[in-house]
Amino acid sequence: MLSAIDEILWSLKDGKWHNLKEITENSSLTEPKAKMTINFLQEYSFIQVDENERKAKLRPQMLSFIDEIQRAEKEEASSHKSLESAVSIKEFASLRRSLKKI
């Protein structure tokens, strides 16, 4: 079920309205599974659903939450790269000291 939720949230992450056809085309979900997942997300107020138009979009709070997660992931990836560079510099300095002893 979590992967279905992820797929629906991922298809709606642009904050725009998407109809059921777009959502199923942009995911690996069947229409019945997409409908069931959309109903769940609507019930717990993650998304807004326009029943007449048969379309859905993320609620503003959920959109902000996803944006914040993506920002944190980018910062974490950047932090890991900085750490890798620092380790490499330390290793290089250690190697240099070892070579001087020879």
Protein backbone atom coordinates (compact mmCIF):
# COMPACT_ATOMS: atom_id res chain seq x y z
CA MET A 1 0.00 0.00 0.00
CA LEU A 2 2.83 2.43 0.77
CA SER A 3 4.19 2.27 -2.75
CA ALA A 4 0.71 3.09 -4.10
CA ILE A 5 0.54 6.10 -1.77
CA ASP A 6 4.03 7.18 -2.84
CA GLU A 7 3.07 6.91 -6.50
CA ILE A 8 -0.07 9.01 -6.08
CA LEU A 9 1.74 11.65 -4.02
CA TRP A 10 4.58 11.72 -6.57
CA SER A 11 2.10 12.25 -9.43
CA LEU A 12 0.52 15.17 -7.57
CA LYS A 13 3.69 16.83 -6.27
CA ASP A 14 3.42 19.71 -8.75
CA GLY A 15 0.39 21.01 -6.83
CA LYS A 16 -1.88 21.04 -9.89
CA TRP A 17 -5.14 19.21 -10.51
CA HIS A 18 -4.77 15.81 -12.20
CA ASN A 19 -7.54 13.54 -13.38
CA LEU A 20 -7.63 9.81 -12.70
CA LYS A 21 -6.39 9.00 -16.21
CA GLU A 22 -3.28 11.19 -15.75
CA ILE A 23 -2.59 9.70 -12.34
CA THR A 24 -2.79 6.11 -13.57
CA GLU A 25 -0.72 6.91 -16.68
CA ASN A 26 2.01 8.49 -14.53
CA SER A 27 2.15 5.53 -12.17
CA SER A 28 2.19 1.77 -12.31
CA LEU A 29 -1.21 1.57 -10.60
CA THR A 30 -4.35 0.10 -12.05
CA GLU A 31 -7.42 2.34 -12.03
CA PRO A 32 -9.12 0.46 -9.15
CA LYS A 33 -5.97 0.61 -7.01
CA ALA A 34 -5.50 4.29 -7.83
CA LYS A 35 -9.12 5.03 -6.87
CA MET A 36 -8.76 3.15 -3.60
CA THR A 37 -5.54 5.00 -2.76
CA ILE A 38 -7.03 8.36 -3.71
CA ASN A 39 -10.01 7.66 -1.44
CA PHE A 40 -7.63 6.86 1.43
CA LEU A 41 -5.57 10.01 0.86
CA GLN A 42 -8.75 12.10 0.68
CA GLU A 43 -10.19 10.54 3.84
CA TYR A 44 -7.07 11.53 5.79
CA SER A 45 -6.90 15.02 4.20
CA PHE A 46 -3.67 14.55 2.25
CA ILE A 47 -5.34 15.51 -1.02
CA GLN A 48 -8.33 17.43 -2.33
CA VAL A 49 -10.69 15.66 -4.70
CA ASP A 50 -13.16 17.26 -7.08
CA GLU A 51 -15.79 14.52 -7.40
CA ASN A 52 -17.58 16.20 -10.34
CA GLU A 53 -14.45 16.60 -12.42
CA ARG A 54 -12.87 13.38 -11.10
CA LYS A 55 -9.56 15.07 -10.37
CA ALA A 56 -7.25 15.44 -7.39
CA LYS A 57 -4.42 17.60 -6.08
CA LEU A 58 -2.28 17.83 -2.97
CA ARG A 59 -3.53 19.98 -0.12
CA PRO A 60 -1.27 23.00 0.46
CA GLN A 61 0.04 21.60 3.77
CA MET A 62 1.04 18.32 2.12
CA LEU A 63 2.66 20.16 -0.78
CA SER A 64 4.73 22.20 1.71
CA PHE A 65 5.65 19.02 3.57
CA ILE A 66 6.87 17.30 0.39
CA ASP A 67 8.82 20.41 -0.65
CA GLU A 68 10.49 20.47 2.79
CA ILE A 69 11.42 16.78 2.54
CA GLN A 70 12.95 17.33 -0.90
CA ARG A 71 14.95 20.31 0.39
CA ALA A 72 16.22 18.26 3.34
CA GLU A 73 17.22 15.40 1.01
CA LYS A 74 19.20 17.81 -1.20
CA GLU A 75 20.94 19.32 1.84
CA GLU A 76 21.76 15.85 3.14
CA ALA A 77 23.19 14.79 -0.22
CA SER A 78 25.25 17.97 -0.35
CA SER A 79 26.47 17.36 3.20
CA HIS A 80 27.55 13.82 2.31
CA LYS A 81 29.53 15.12 -0.67
CA SER A 82 31.30 17.66 1.57
CA LEU A 83 32.09 14.92 4.07
CA GLU A 84 33.45 12.65 1.32
CA SER A 85 35.68 15.50 0.12
CA ALA A 86 36.94 16.13 3.66
CA VAL A 87 37.75 12.45 4.13
CA SER A 88 39.58 12.39 0.83
CA ILE A 89 41.63 15.43 1.82
CA LYS A 90 42.51 13.80 5.15
CA GLU A 91 43.48 10.58 3.41
CA PHE A 92 45.62 12.56 0.96
CA ALA A 93 47.36 14.41 3.81
CA SER A 94 48.00 11.12 5.61
CA LEU A 95 49.43 9.58 2.45
CA ARG A 96 51.66 12.61 1.97
CA ARG A 97 53.03 12.31 5.53
CA SER A 98 53.67 8.62 4.98
CA LEU A 99 55.57 9.33 1.77
CA LYS A 100 57.74 11.93 3.50
CA LYS A 101 58.86 9.29 6.01
CA ILE A 102 60.15 7.11 3.18
